[in-house]
C-alpha atoms as a PDB file:
ATOM      1  CA  UNK A   1      64.139  19.677 174.318  1.00  0.00           C
ATOM      2  CA  UNK A   2      67.187  19.199 176.502  1.00  0.00           C
ATOM      3  CA  UNK A   3      69.520  21.086 178.786  1.00  0.00           C
ATOM      4  CA  UNK A   4      73.025  21.489 177.371  1.00  0.00           C
ATOM      5  CA  UNK A   5      75.947  21.463 179.833  1.00  0.00           C
ATOM      6  CA  UNK A   6      78.863  23.394 178.310  1.00  0.00           C
ATOM      7  CA  UNK A   7      82.268  22.796 179.865  1.00  0.00           C
ATOM      8  CA  UNK A   8      85.996  22.762 179.217  1.00  0.00           C
ATOM      9  CA  UNK A   9      86.871  19.344 177.804  1.00  0.00           C
ATOM     10  CA  UNK A  10      90.607  19.100 178.131  1.00  0.00           C
ATOM     11  CA  UNK A  11      91.215  17.959 181.711  1.00  0.00           C
ATOM     12  CA  UNK A  12      89.687  15.132 183.707  1.00  0.00           C
ATOM     13  CA  UNK A  13      88.635  17.330 186.639  1.00  0.00           C
ATOM     14  CA  UNK A  14      86.721  19.671 184.293  1.00  0.00           C
ATOM     15  CA  UNK A  15      84.895  16.747 182.710  1.00  0.00           C
ATOM     16  CA  UNK A  16      84.175  15.293 186.147  1.00  0.00           C
ATOM     17  CA  UNK A  17      82.623  18.565 187.379  1.00  0.00           C
ATOM     18  CA  UNK A  18      80.431  18.795 184.272  1.00  0.00           C
ATOM     19  CA  UNK A  19      79.402  15.165 184.674  1.00  0.00           C
ATOM     20  CA  UNK A  20      78.436  15.812 188.293  1.00  0.00           C
ATOM     21  CA  UNK A  21      76.261  18.720 187.213  1.00  0.00           C
ATOM     22  CA  UNK A  22      74.685  16.719 184.374  1.00  0.00           C
ATOM     23  CA  UNK A  23      74.030  13.780 186.721  1.00  0.00           C
ATOM     24  CA  UNK A  24      72.201  15.922 189.274  1.00  0.00           C
ATOM     25  CA  UNK A  25      70.192  17.605 186.531  1.00  0.00           C
ATOM     26  CA  UNK A  26      69.296  14.249 184.974  1.00  0.00           C
ATOM     27  CA  UNK A  27      68.050  12.972 188.353  1.00  0.00           C
ATOM     28  CA  UNK A  28      65.409  15.707 188.195  1.00  0.00           C
ATOM     29  CA  UNK A  29      64.595  15.559 184.487  1.00  0.00           C
ATOM     30  CA  UNK A  30      65.678  12.167 183.170  1.00  0.00           C
ATOM     31  CA  UNK A  31      68.844  11.417 181.231  1.00  0.00           C
ATOM     32  CA  UNK A  32      67.212  11.964 177.842  1.00  0.00           C
ATOM     33  CA  UNK A  33      66.737  15.639 178.728  1.00  0.00           C
ATOM     34  CA  UNK A  34      70.416  16.413 179.420  1.00  0.00           C
ATOM     35  CA  UNK A  35      73.228  16.659 176.876  1.00  0.00           C
ATOM     36  CA  UNK A  36      76.869  16.477 177.950  1.00  0.00           C
ATOM     37  CA  UNK A  37      79.495  17.074 175.237  1.00  0.00           C
ATOM     38  CA  UNK A  38      82.396  14.603 175.067  1.00  0.00           C
ATOM     39  CA  UNK A  39      80.276  12.072 176.955  1.00  0.00           C
ATOM     40  CA  UNK A  40      77.301  12.105 174.593  1.00  0.00           C
ATOM     41  CA  UNK A  41      79.334  12.540 171.413  1.00  0.00           C
ATOM     42  CA  UNK A  42      81.532   9.602 172.418  1.00  0.00           C
ATOM     43  CA  UNK A  43      84.539  11.788 171.675  1.00  0.00           C
ATOM     44  CA  UNK A  44      87.266   9.442 172.826  1.00  0.00           C
ATOM     45  CA  UNK A  45      86.070   6.534 170.655  1.00  0.00           C
ATOM     46  CA  UNK A  46      84.347   8.336 167.770  1.00  0.00           C
ATOM     47  CA  UNK A  47      85.766   7.537 164.342  1.00  0.00           C
ATOM     48  CA  UNK A  48      85.128   9.950 161.455  1.00  0.00           C
ATOM     49  CA  UNK A  49      86.917  11.138 158.331  1.00  0.00           C
ATOM     50  CA  UNK A  50      87.287  14.611 159.846  1.00  0.00           C
ATOM     51  CA  UNK A  51      86.699  14.020 163.518  1.00  0.00           C
ATOM     52  CA  UNK A  52      86.810  17.632 164.683  1.00  0.00           C
ATOM     53  CA  UNK A  53      84.212  18.731 162.152  1.00  0.00           C
ATOM     54  CA  UNK A  54      81.971  15.776 163.019  1.00  0.00           C
ATOM     55  CA  UNK A  55      82.150  16.651 166.729  1.00  0.00           C
ATOM     56  CA  UNK A  56      81.321  20.257 165.887  1.00  0.00           C
ATOM     57  CA  UNK A  57      78.312  19.148 163.845  1.00  0.00           C
ATOM     58  CA  UNK A  58      77.023  16.893 166.638  1.00  0.00           C
ATOM     59  CA  UNK A  59      77.301  19.672 169.230  1.00  0.00           C
ATOM     60  CA  UNK A  60      75.740  22.281 166.926  1.00  0.00           C
ATOM     61  CA  UNK A  61      72.860  19.984 166.079  1.00  0.00           C
ATOM     62  CA  UNK A  62      72.047  19.675 169.784  1.00  0.00           C
ATOM     63  CA  UNK A  63      72.475  23.424 170.340  1.00  0.00           C
ATOM     64  CA  UNK A  64      69.702  24.036 167.805  1.00  0.00           C
ATOM     65  CA  UNK A  65      67.088  22.352 169.985  1.00  0.00           C
ATOM     66  CA  UNK A  66      67.857  23.010 173.637  1.00  0.00           C
ATOM     67  CA  UNK A  67      65.675  24.312 176.441  1.00  0.00           C
ATOM     68  CA  UNK A  68      68.562  26.047 178.229  1.00  0.00           C
ATOM     69  CA  UNK A  69      72.338  26.086 178.346  1.00  0.00           C
ATOM     70  CA  UNK A  70      74.340  25.744 181.548  1.00  0.00           C
ATOM     71  CA  UNK A  71      77.952  26.811 181.092  1.00  0.00           C
ATOM     72  CA  UNK A  72      80.790  26.253 183.556  1.00  0.00           C
ATOM     73  CA  UNK A  73      83.073  29.291 183.346  1.00  0.00           C
ATOM     74  CA  UNK A  74      86.139  29.713 185.529  1.00  0.00           C
ATOM     75  CA  UNK A  75      89.177  31.941 185.670  1.00  0.00           C
ATOM     76  CA  UNK A  76      90.715  34.805 183.710  1.00  0.00           C
ATOM     77  CA  UNK A  77      90.785  32.838 180.432  1.00  0.00           C
ATOM     78  CA  UNK A  78      87.319  31.327 179.874  1.00  0.00           C
ATOM     79  CA  UNK A  79      87.243  28.342 177.556  1.00  0.00           C
ATOM     80  CA  UNK A  80      86.647  29.519 174.000  1.00  0.00           C
ATOM     81  CA  UNK A  81      84.485  26.523 173.085  1.00  0.00           C
ATOM     82  CA  UNK A  82      82.213  27.182 176.057  1.00  0.00           C
ATOM     83  CA  UNK A  83      81.996  30.860 175.084  1.00  0.00           C
ATOM     84  CA  UNK A  84      81.117  29.952 171.513  1.00  0.00           C
ATOM     85  CA  UNK A  85      78.314  27.674 172.731  1.00  0.00           C
ATOM     86  CA  UNK A  86      77.115  30.427 175.083  1.00  0.00           C
ATOM     87  CA  UNK A  87      76.999  32.961 172.255  1.00  0.00           C
ATOM     88  CA  UNK A  88      75.152  30.481 170.065  1.00  0.00           C
ATOM     89  CA  UNK A  89      72.471  29.885 172.682  1.00  0.00           C
ATOM     90  CA  UNK A  90      72.086  33.564 173.601  1.00  0.00           C
ATOM     91  CA  UNK A  91      71.685  34.612 169.963  1.00  0.00           C
ATOM     92  CA  UNK A  92      68.823  32.129 169.614  1.00  0.00           C
ATOM     93  CA  UNK A  93      67.097  33.484 172.706  1.00  0.00           C
ATOM     94  CA  UNK A  94      67.864  30.393 174.798  1.00  0.00           C
ATOM     95  CA  UNK A  95      68.296  31.021 178.563  1.00  0.00           C
ATOM     96  CA  UNK A  96      71.912  30.822 179.705  1.00  0.00           C
ATOM     97  CA  UNK A  97      73.025  29.951 183.233  1.00  0.00           C
ATOM     98  CA  UNK A  98      76.681  30.598 184.008  1.00  0.00           C
ATOM     99  CA  UNK A  99      78.213  28.611 186.859  1.00  0.00           C
ATOM    100  CA  UNK A 100      81.459  29.734 188.475  1.00  0.00           C
ATOM    101  CA  UNK A 101      83.374  29.048 191.671  1.00  0.00           C
ATOM    102  CA  UNK A 102      85.954  31.719 190.781  1.00  0.00           C
ATOM    103  CA  UNK A 103      86.665  33.984 193.772  1.00  0.00           C
ATOM    104  CA  UNK A 104      87.976  36.827 191.584  1.00  0.00           C
ATOM    105  CA  UNK A 105      86.163  39.832 190.130  1.00  0.00           C
ATOM    106  CA  UNK A 106      87.463  41.580 187.026  1.00  0.00           C
ATOM    107  CA  UNK A 107      87.909  45.165 185.864  1.00  0.00           C
ATOM    108  CA  UNK A 108      89.660  46.989 183.019  1.00  0.00           C
ATOM    109  CA  UNK A 109      91.503  49.319 185.420  1.00  0.00           C
ATOM    110  CA  UNK A 110      92.494  48.975 189.101  1.00  0.00           C
ATOM    111  CA  UNK A 111      89.598  51.164 190.263  1.00  0.00           C
ATOM    112  CA  UNK A 112      87.204  50.477 187.410  1.00  0.00           C
ATOM    113  CA  UNK A 113      83.754  48.883 187.596  1.00  0.00           C
ATOM    114  CA  UNK A 114      83.896  45.173 188.326  1.00  0.00           C
ATOM    115  CA  UNK A 115      82.266  42.244 186.604  1.00  0.00           C
ATOM    116  CA  UNK A 116      82.008  38.559 187.461  1.00  0.00           C
ATOM    117  CA  UNK A 117      83.832  37.548 184.294  1.00  0.00           C
ATOM    118  CA  UNK A 118      86.876  38.963 182.480  1.00  0.00           C
ATOM    119  CA  UNK A 119      84.731  40.035 179.528  1.00  0.00           C
ATOM    120  CA  UNK A 120      81.554  41.890 180.559  1.00  0.00           C
ATOM    121  CA  UNK A 121      79.787  40.402 177.561  1.00  0.00           C
ATOM    122  CA  UNK A 122      79.511  37.164 179.547  1.00  0.00           C
ATOM    123  CA  UNK A 123      77.820  39.032 182.407  1.00  0.00           C
ATOM    124  CA  UNK A 124      75.484  40.717 179.926  1.00  0.00           C
ATOM    125  CA  UNK A 125      74.344  37.524 178.212  1.00  0.00           C
ATOM    126  CA  UNK A 126      73.666  35.492 181.350  1.00  0.00           C
ATOM    127  CA  UNK A 127      70.063  34.856 182.298  1.00  0.00           C
ATOM    128  CA  UNK A 128      71.369  33.796 185.711  1.00  0.00           C
ATOM    129  CA  UNK A 129      74.830  33.687 187.273  1.00  0.00           C
ATOM    130  CA  UNK A 130      75.379  31.022 189.922  1.00  0.00           C
ATOM    131  CA  UNK A 131      78.470  31.847 191.919  1.00  0.00           C
ATOM    132  CA  UNK A 132      79.965  30.191 194.995  1.00  0.00           C
ATOM    133  CA  UNK A 133      83.315  31.954 195.379  1.00  0.00           C
ATOM    134  CA  UNK A 134      84.096  30.952 198.953  1.00  0.00           C
ATOM    135  CA  UNK A 135      85.103  27.612 200.396  1.00  0.00           C
ATOM    136  CA  UNK A 136      82.577  25.702 202.461  1.00  0.00           C
ATOM    137  CA  UNK A 137      82.724  26.006 206.232  1.00  0.00           C
ATOM    138  CA  UNK A 138      85.424  24.106 208.090  1.00  0.00           C
ATOM    139  CA  UNK A 139      84.225  20.799 209.501  1.00  0.00           C
ATOM    140  CA  UNK A 140      86.045  18.922 212.215  1.00  0.00           C
ATOM    141  CA  UNK A 141      87.438  15.645 210.888  1.00  0.00           C
ATOM    142  CA  UNK A 142      89.542  13.982 213.580  1.00  0.00           C
ATOM    143  CA  UNK A 143      92.415  11.927 212.274  1.00  0.00           C
ATOM    144  CA  UNK A 144      92.590  13.561 208.834  1.00  0.00           C
ATOM    145  CA  UNK A 145      95.229  15.890 207.440  1.00  0.00           C
ATOM    146  CA  UNK A 146      94.712  19.542 206.674  1.00  0.00           C
ATOM    147  CA  UNK A 147      94.893  18.597 203.002  1.00  0.00           C
ATOM    148  CA  UNK A 148      92.002  16.162 203.318  1.00  0.00           C
ATOM    149  CA  UNK A 149      90.019  18.839 205.153  1.00  0.00           C
ATOM    150  CA  UNK A 150      90.788  21.351 202.406  1.00  0.00           C
ATOM    151  CA  UNK A 151      89.666  18.864 199.746  1.00  0.00           C
ATOM    152  CA  UNK A 152      86.437  18.338 201.658  1.00  0.00           C
ATOM    153  CA  UNK A 153      85.751  22.078 201.745  1.00  0.00           C
ATOM    154  CA  UNK A 154      86.217  22.265 197.979  1.00  0.00           C
ATOM    155  CA  UNK A 155      83.986  19.260 197.316  1.00  0.00           C
ATOM    156  CA  UNK A 156      81.297  20.822 199.468  1.00  0.00           C
ATOM    157  CA  UNK A 157      81.670  24.096 197.572  1.00  0.00           C
ATOM    158  CA  UNK A 158      81.228  22.309 194.251  1.00  0.00           C
ATOM    159  CA  UNK A 159      78.231  20.369 195.557  1.00  0.00           C
ATOM    160  CA  UNK A 160      76.580  23.593 196.689  1.00  0.00           C
ATOM    161  CA  UNK A 161      77.225  25.228 193.313  1.00  0.00           C
ATOM    162  CA  UNK A 162      75.742  22.260 191.476  1.00  0.00           C
ATOM    163  CA  UNK A 163      72.623  22.189 193.654  1.00  0.00           C
ATOM    164  CA  UNK A 164      71.994  25.909 193.201  1.00  0.00           C
ATOM    165  CA  UNK A 165      72.579  25.613 189.474  1.00  0.00           C
ATOM    166  CA  UNK A 166      70.153  22.718 189.048  1.00  0.00           C
ATOM    167  CA  UNK A 167      67.486  24.565 191.034  1.00  0.00           C
ATOM    168  CA  UNK A 168      68.038  27.658 188.877  1.00  0.00           C
ATOM    169  CA  UNK A 169      67.673  25.606 185.695  1.00  0.00           C
ATOM    170  CA  UNK A 170      64.427  24.046 186.858  1.00  0.00           C
ATOM    171  CA  UNK A 171      62.982  27.463 187.728  1.00  0.00           C
ATOM    172  CA  UNK A 172      63.577  29.003 184.316  1.00  0.00           C
ATOM    173  CA  UNK A 173      60.395  30.289 182.683  1.00  0.00           C
ATOM    174  CA  UNK A 174      59.353  28.811 179.370  1.00  0.00           C
ATOM    175  CA  UNK A 175      61.225  30.594 176.566  1.00  0.00           C
ATOM    176  CA  UNK A 176      59.161  33.007 174.552  1.00  0.00           C
ATOM    177  CA  UNK A 177      58.887  32.218 170.858  1.00  0.00           C
ATOM    178  CA  UNK A 178      60.710  34.971 168.974  1.00  0.00           C
ATOM    179  CA  UNK A 179      60.809  34.729 165.216  1.00  0.00           C
ATOM    180  CA  UNK A 180      61.870  38.335 164.650  1.00  0.00           C
ATOM    181  CA  UNK A 181      64.995  38.426 162.516  1.00  0.00           C
ATOM    182  CA  UNK A 182      67.480  41.173 163.373  1.00  0.00           C
ATOM    183  CA  UNK A 183      67.606  44.106 160.979  1.00  0.00           C
ATOM    184  CA  UNK A 184      71.087  44.075 159.473  1.00  0.00           C
ATOM    185  CA  UNK A 185      72.993  46.917 157.859  1.00  0.00           C
ATOM    186  CA  UNK A 186      74.754  45.216 154.963  1.00  0.00           C
ATOM    187  CA  UNK A 187      77.346  47.995 154.638  1.00  0.00           C
ATOM    188  CA  UNK A 188      78.346  47.747 158.319  1.00  0.00           C
ATOM    189  CA  UNK A 189      80.947  45.403 159.733  1.00  0.00           C
ATOM    190  CA  UNK A 190      81.539  44.745 163.413  1.00  0.00           C
ATOM    191  CA  UNK A 191      85.239  44.301 164.240  1.00  0.00           C
ATOM    192  CA  UNK A 192      86.251  42.760 167.584  1.00  0.00           C
ATOM    193  CA  UNK A 193      89.924  43.273 168.503  1.00  0.00           C
ATOM    194  CA  UNK A 194      91.892  40.972 170.787  1.00  0.00           C
ATOM    195  CA  UNK A 195      92.105  42.148 174.409  1.00  0.00           C
ATOM    196  CA  UNK A 196      95.417  40.285 174.662  1.00  0.00           C
ATOM    197  CA  UNK A 197      97.027  42.989 172.516  1.00  0.00           C
ATOM    198  CA  UNK A 198      97.255  46.255 174.481  1.00  0.00           C
ATOM    199  CA  UNK A 199      96.099  48.767 173.650  1.00  0.00           C
ATOM    200  CA  UNK A 200      93.321  47.100 171.696  1.00  0.00           C
ATOM    201  CA  UNK A 201      94.920  47.107 168.275  1.00  0.00           C
ATOM    202  CA  UNK A 202      92.762  47.640 165.217  1.00  0.00           C
ATOM    203  CA  UNK A 203      92.405  44.779 162.807  1.00  0.00           C
ATOM    204  CA  UNK A 204      94.522  45.289 159.698  1.00  0.00           C
ATOM    205  CA  UNK A 205      93.350  46.857 156.444  1.00  0.00           C
ATOM    206  CA  UNK A 206      89.916  47.889 157.688  1.00  0.00           C
ATOM    207  CA  UNK A 207      90.426  51.447 156.471  1.00  0.00           C
ATOM    208  CA  UNK A 208      91.108  50.264 152.920  1.00  0.00           C
ATOM    209  CA  UNK A 209      87.452  49.555 152.207  1.00  0.00           C
ATOM    210  CA  UNK A 210      85.716  52.947 152.321  1.00  0.00           C
ATOM    211  CA  UNK A 211      82.400  51.397 151.275  1.00  0.00           C
ATOM    212  CA  UNK A 212      82.239  49.519 154.582  1.00  0.00           C
ATOM    213  CA  UNK A 213      81.405  51.235 157.855  1.00  0.00           C
ATOM    214  CA  UNK A 214      83.429  49.569 160.599  1.00  0.00           C
ATOM    215  CA  UNK A 215      82.106  49.591 164.157  1.00  0.00           C
ATOM    216  CA  UNK A 216      83.677  48.066 167.246  1.00  0.00           C
ATOM    217  CA  UNK A 217      83.219  47.399 170.953  1.00  0.00           C
ATOM    218  CA  UNK A 218      82.734  50.093 173.578  1.00  0.00           C
ATOM    219  CA  UNK A 219      82.509  47.939 176.701  1.00  0.00           C
ATOM    220  CA  UNK A 220      86.209  47.768 177.556  1.00  0.00           C
ATOM    221  CA  UNK A 221      86.409  51.476 178.444  1.00  0.00           C
ATOM    222  CA  UNK A 222      82.793  52.090 179.501  1.00  0.00           C
ATOM    223  CA  UNK A 223      81.722  53.406 182.898  1.00  0.00           C
ATOM    224  CA  UNK A 224      78.973  50.755 182.852  1.00  0.00           C
ATOM    225  CA  UNK A 225      80.607  47.828 181.048  1.00  0.00           C
ATOM    226  CA  UNK A 226      77.643  45.437 181.230  1.00  0.00           C
ATOM    227  CA  UNK A 227      75.287  47.999 179.684  1.00  0.00           C
ATOM    228  CA  UNK A 228      77.879  48.743 177.017  1.00  0.00           C
ATOM    229  CA  UNK A 229      78.304  45.020 176.415  1.00  0.00           C
ATOM    230  CA  UNK A 230      74.602  44.685 175.621  1.00  0.00           C
ATOM    231  CA  UNK A 231      74.963  47.529 173.154  1.00  0.00           C
ATOM    232  CA  UNK A 232      78.004  45.843 171.583  1.00  0.00           C
ATOM    233  CA  UNK A 233      76.004  42.624 171.227  1.00  0.00           C
ATOM    234  CA  UNK A 234      73.130  44.409 169.493  1.00  0.00           C
ATOM    235  CA  UNK A 235      75.543  46.275 167.212  1.00  0.00           C
ATOM    236  CA  UNK A 236      77.310  43.058 166.227  1.00  0.00           C
ATOM    237  CA  UNK A 237      74.093  41.149 165.483  1.00  0.00           C
ATOM    238  CA  UNK A 238      72.780  44.122 163.507  1.00  0.00           C
ATOM    239  CA  UNK A 239      75.851  44.358 161.296  1.00  0.00           C
ATOM    240  CA  UNK A 240      76.287  42.824 157.865  1.00  0.00           C
ATOM    241  CA  UNK A 241      79.259  40.710 158.939  1.00  0.00           C
ATOM    242  CA  UNK A 242      81.636  40.161 161.841  1.00  0.00           C
ATOM    243  CA  UNK A 243      85.392  39.888 161.957  1.00  0.00           C
ATOM    244  CA  UNK A 244      87.240  39.021 165.162  1.00  0.00           C
ATOM    245  CA  UNK A 245      90.881  38.937 166.144  1.00  0.00           C
ATOM    246  CA  UNK A 246      91.251  35.410 167.507  1.00  0.00           C
ATOM    247  CA  UNK A 247      94.830  35.964 168.698  1.00  0.00           C
ATOM    248  CA  UNK A 248      95.837  34.906 172.183  1.00  0.00           C
ATOM    249  CA  UNK A 249      96.434  31.739 174.195  1.00  0.00           C
ATOM    250  CA  UNK A 250      92.936  30.776 173.109  1.00  0.00           C
ATOM    251  CA  UNK A 251      90.250  32.716 171.291  1.00  0.00           C
ATOM    252  CA  UNK A 252      89.295  35.725 173.472  1.00  0.00           C
ATOM    253  CA  UNK A 253      85.912  35.357 175.190  1.00  0.00           C
ATOM    254  CA  UNK A 254      84.201  38.179 173.297  1.00  0.00           C
ATOM    255  CA  UNK A 255      85.407  36.898 169.950  1.00  0.00           C
ATOM    256  CA  UNK A 256      84.216  33.370 170.770  1.00  0.00           C
ATOM    257  CA  UNK A 257      80.806  34.614 171.938  1.00  0.00           C
ATOM    258  CA  UNK A 258      80.361  36.563 168.694  1.00  0.00           C
ATOM    259  CA  UNK A 259      81.426  33.573 166.583  1.00  0.00           C
ATOM    260  CA  UNK A 260      78.740  31.537 168.321  1.00  0.00           C
ATOM    261  CA  UNK A 261      76.139  34.218 167.648  1.00  0.00           C
ATOM    262  CA  UNK A 262      77.130  34.440 163.994  1.00  0.00           C
ATOM    263  CA  UNK A 263      77.001  30.670 163.593  1.00  0.00           C
ATOM    264  CA  UNK A 264      73.540  30.552 165.170  1.00  0.00           C
ATOM    265  CA  UNK A 265      72.056  33.333 163.038  1.00  0.00           C
ATOM    266  CA  UNK A 266      73.780  32.840 159.694  1.00  0.00           C
ATOM    267  CA  UNK A 267      75.761  36.064 160.018  1.00  0.00           C
ATOM    268  CA  UNK A 268      78.999  35.877 157.986  1.00  0.00           C
ATOM    269  CA  UNK A 269      81.997  35.763 160.333  1.00  0.00           C
ATOM    270  CA  UNK A 270      85.753  35.510 159.944  1.00  0.00           C
ATOM    271  CA  UNK A 271      88.564  35.068 162.447  1.00  0.00           C
ATOM    272  CA  UNK A 272      91.875  36.858 161.961  1.00  0.00           C
ATOM    273  CA  UNK A 273      94.569  34.523 163.252  1.00  0.00           C
ATOM    274  CA  UNK A 274      98.072  35.435 162.068  1.00  0.00           C
ATOM    275  CA  UNK A 275      99.744  33.163 164.630  1.00  0.00           C
ATOM    276  CA  UNK A 276      98.524  30.011 166.346  1.00  0.00           C
ATOM    277  CA  UNK A 277      99.768  26.797 167.840  1.00  0.00           C
ATOM    278  CA  UNK A 278      98.104  23.512 166.892  1.00  0.00           C
ATOM    279  CA  UNK A 279      96.497  20.949 169.162  1.00  0.00           C
ATOM    280  CA  UNK A 280      96.603  17.227 168.525  1.00  0.00           C
ATOM    281  CA  UNK A 281      94.330  14.518 169.893  1.00  0.00           C
ATOM    282  CA  UNK A 282      94.006  10.840 169.082  1.00  0.00           C
ATOM    283  CA  UNK A 283      92.067  10.283 165.877  1.00  0.00           C
ATOM    284  CA  UNK A 284      91.526  14.002 165.291  1.00  0.00           C
ATOM    285  CA  UNK A 285      93.052  16.246 162.655  1.00  0.00           C
ATOM    286  CA  UNK A 286      95.281  19.101 163.930  1.00  0.00           C
ATOM    287  CA  UNK A 287      93.194  22.038 165.148  1.00  0.00           C
ATOM    288  CA  UNK A 288      94.438  25.627 165.092  1.00  0.00           C
ATOM    289  CA  UNK A 289      91.737  26.687 167.585  1.00  0.00           C
ATOM    290  CA  UNK A 290      89.004  25.033 169.594  1.00  0.00           C
ATOM    291  CA  UNK A 291      86.975  23.022 167.074  1.00  0.00           C
ATOM    292  CA  UNK A 292      83.848  25.065 167.918  1.00  0.00           C
ATOM    293  CA  UNK A 293      85.788  28.125 166.756  1.00  0.00           C
ATOM    294  CA  UNK A 294      87.611  26.534 163.831  1.00  0.00           C
ATOM    295  CA  UNK A 295      84.443  25.193 162.229  1.00  0.00           C
ATOM    296  CA  UNK A 296      82.095  27.922 163.469  1.00  0.00           C
ATOM    297  CA  UNK A 297      83.522  30.659 161.230  1.00  0.00           C
ATOM    298  CA  UNK A 298      83.257  31.101 157.481  1.00  0.00           C
ATOM    299  CA  UNK A 299      86.962  31.864 157.143  1.00  0.00           C
ATOM    300  CA  UNK A 300      90.203  31.921 159.113  1.00  0.00           C
ATOM    301  CA  UNK A 301      92.408  34.725 157.807  1.00  0.00           C
ATOM    302  CA  UNK A 302      96.154  34.459 158.247  1.00  0.00           C
ATOM    303  CA  UNK A 303      97.445  37.531 156.375  1.00  0.00           C
ATOM    304  CA  UNK A 304      96.449  41.162 156.086  1.00  0.00           C
ATOM    305  CA  UNK A 305      95.726  40.751 152.376  1.00  0.00           C
ATOM    306  CA  UNK A 306      93.172  38.057 153.191  1.00  0.00           C
ATOM    307  CA  UNK A 307      91.398  40.476 155.542  1.00  0.00           C
ATOM    308  CA  UNK A 308      91.095  43.024 152.725  1.00  0.00           C
ATOM    309  CA  UNK A 309      89.736  40.440 150.299  1.00  0.00           C
ATOM    310  CA  UNK A 310      87.210  39.112 152.813  1.00  0.00           C
ATOM    311  CA  UNK A 311      85.967  42.597 153.708  1.00  0.00           C
ATOM    312  CA  UNK A 312      85.445  43.476 150.083  1.00  0.00           C
ATOM    313  CA  UNK A 313      83.954  40.104 149.157  1.00  0.00           C
END
């Protein structure tokens, strides 16, 4: 069983940070025990009829047999692919370590309770959060510019974060075998709205299916958002199906986490996505969302009528 390093793929510095983490972990465990997406799926040179789906399948296959997942999560818009992988691992009972050098905390209101991540569901699912939000100490470097000194402080910060993260991974207890399947209420559907639409707008047409009991998140307005997030997670996994509003610059973190959980447990899931831009990469078909999202759901719904049909299906 291996350790899976989840990271944003779409910029060289993100891939370099993940590679640094994977390298240090492999020095302790051996390279065969560490999986690094993009690197180990040979993404740049892979040739397949439907490249995005093949990459999704390769990553999911590894997610099914990992010892732990280490996810690099930064900033107010966490990568939706990383969140999907995190939700997948957490739903299978796999330990999750979240690594961040973000110096910001987050809250729903100016004076509200704070969390490490913009969606408290990330805080709730983490087995361990490794955080180094401050720059390393200033070191005297005669003859260098202030910019070189600043770069050095950031490199030292990253090195410290990586070392702490690797130590945390190696100290994880052996996962307990849990074969208990969640009890699901077939007549209940969990609906996750998009936090990018304020106030949290309801998904369309949900009231038109009286035979379905629709439940939704409570964490965004809760006095204890992390506790409420755990309750949201249990409610979603105990429902008969999940529908998420995937609208936004990328799939919202909560929606992506729930898609990962649904994919891991066989829970039917759909993403409502009335508007989206497409991404294009060499050799890959156009993707309307991160490929872990696009291929992780049972359906992508573009119109309100499709939502009604899927709910009643």
